[in-house]
Amino acid sequence: MDLPFAQSLFCGAEGLARVVTASAFRHPEFGRALGVTLVDGPMRGLLARAVVALDEYGTVVHTELVPELTDEPDYDAAIHAIRNHHHPCPEDAAFTTE
């Protein structure tokens, strides 16, 4: 659960101009509702590392919950799910990796 300013710094450093981030910093019920709040151990209260990808209508098209906090999600799988689910907008053409 990163703070909004930390997410902005990360996106800026990685050149991620079209990413919408969300923070549960002021809304801990978010993690509980999705079942991603760590309930024990030294990281208790933080959120597990997960990816939820939505299409342009807010429909969930991909989810992944990684087994360890040190593991990275399969970002390519999330991008693939999004690109194969919706009709690409003109801006997507510049970001096509195929």
Protein backbone atom coordinates (compact mmCIF):
# COMPACT_ATOMS: atom_id res chain seq x y z
CA MET A 1 0.00 0.00 0.00
CA ASP A 2 1.99 2.93 -1.28
CA LEU A 3 1.15 6.52 -0.55
CA PRO A 4 -0.18 8.51 -3.52
CA PHE A 5 2.97 10.64 -3.77
CA ALA A 6 5.15 7.51 -3.87
CA GLN A 7 3.02 6.10 -6.68
CA SER A 8 3.38 9.35 -8.62
CA LEU A 9 7.15 9.30 -8.17
CA PHE A 10 7.31 5.69 -9.37
CA CYS A 11 5.18 6.38 -12.45
CA GLY A 12 7.27 9.45 -13.29
CA ALA A 13 10.54 7.57 -12.90
CA GLU A 14 9.28 4.72 -15.09
CA GLY A 15 7.71 6.97 -17.74
CA LEU A 16 4.20 5.66 -17.04
CA ALA A 17 2.06 8.55 -18.21
CA ARG A 18 -1.17 6.61 -18.82
CA VAL A 19 -1.40 4.63 -15.59
CA VAL A 20 -4.15 5.32 -13.08
CA THR A 21 -2.97 4.42 -9.59
CA ALA A 22 -5.02 3.97 -6.45
CA SER A 23 -4.01 4.01 -2.82
CA ALA A 24 -5.80 2.39 0.09
CA PHE A 25 -3.89 4.59 2.53
CA ARG A 26 -7.02 6.29 3.86
CA HIS A 27 -9.35 3.39 3.08
CA PRO A 28 -8.15 0.18 4.76
CA GLU A 29 -11.55 -1.41 4.12
CA PHE A 30 -10.49 -1.75 0.46
CA GLY A 31 -7.89 -4.42 1.28
CA ARG A 32 -10.22 -6.25 3.62
CA ALA A 33 -13.03 -6.27 1.05
CA LEU A 34 -10.73 -7.75 -1.62
CA GLY A 35 -9.04 -10.17 0.76
CA VAL A 36 -5.55 -8.77 0.18
CA THR A 37 -4.79 -7.33 3.65
CA LEU A 38 -2.00 -9.22 5.37
CA VAL A 39 -3.38 -10.43 8.71
CA ASP A 40 -0.26 -11.60 10.54
CA GLY A 41 3.50 -11.34 10.62
CA PRO A 42 5.72 -8.26 10.49
CA MET A 43 3.85 -6.84 7.47
CA ARG A 44 0.42 -7.14 9.14
CA GLY A 45 -1.95 -4.45 7.88
CA LEU A 46 -0.18 -3.93 4.56
CA LEU A 47 -1.65 -5.17 1.31
CA ALA A 48 -0.42 -8.19 -0.60
CA ARG A 49 1.00 -7.48 -4.04
CA ALA A 50 -1.76 -7.88 -6.60
CA VAL A 51 -2.84 -6.63 -10.01
CA VAL A 52 -6.42 -5.99 -11.05
CA ALA A 53 -6.85 -4.87 -14.65
CA LEU A 54 -10.07 -3.25 -15.81
CA ASP A 55 -11.36 -2.50 -19.26
CA GLU A 56 -12.73 0.88 -20.30
CA TYR A 57 -16.12 -0.04 -18.76
CA GLY A 58 -14.75 -1.05 -15.37
CA THR A 59 -15.08 -4.78 -16.02
CA VAL A 60 -12.35 -6.88 -14.42
CA VAL A 61 -10.43 -8.60 -17.21
CA HIS A 62 -7.41 -9.89 -15.27
CA THR A 63 -6.36 -10.50 -11.67
CA GLU A 64 -3.21 -11.85 -10.10
CA LEU A 65 -2.21 -12.23 -6.46
CA VAL A 66 1.48 -13.04 -6.15
CA PRO A 67 2.49 -15.60 -3.50
CA GLU A 68 5.30 -13.50 -1.98
CA LEU A 69 5.65 -9.74 -1.50
CA THR A 70 9.07 -9.91 -3.13
CA ASP A 71 7.59 -11.41 -6.34
CA GLU A 72 6.62 -9.16 -9.23
CA PRO A 73 3.25 -9.72 -10.90
CA ASP A 74 3.15 -10.75 -14.55
CA TYR A 75 2.54 -7.27 -15.93
CA ASP A 76 2.68 -8.56 -19.51
CA ALA A 77 -0.27 -10.86 -18.78
CA ALA A 78 -2.30 -7.90 -17.48
CA ILE A 79 -1.45 -5.79 -20.52
CA HIS A 80 -2.29 -8.70 -22.83
CA ALA A 81 -5.68 -9.15 -21.13
CA ILE A 82 -6.51 -5.47 -21.53
CA ARG A 83 -5.39 -5.23 -25.14
CA ASN A 84 -7.27 -8.37 -26.15
CA HIS A 85 -10.45 -7.37 -24.37
CA HIS A 86 -11.23 -3.89 -25.68
CA HIS A 87 -11.21 -2.11 -28.97
CA PRO A 88 -7.88 -0.28 -29.12
CA CYS A 89 -7.98 3.47 -29.08
CA PRO A 90 -5.65 5.40 -31.41
CA GLU A 91 -3.25 6.08 -28.51
CA ASP A 92 -2.70 2.34 -28.06
CA ALA A 93 -1.07 2.08 -31.48
CA ALA A 94 1.97 3.92 -30.14
CA PHE A 95 2.32 1.40 -27.30
CA THR A 96 1.86 -1.83 -29.27
CA THR A 97 4.63 -4.34 -28.59
CA GLU A 98 3.47 -6.96 -31.06
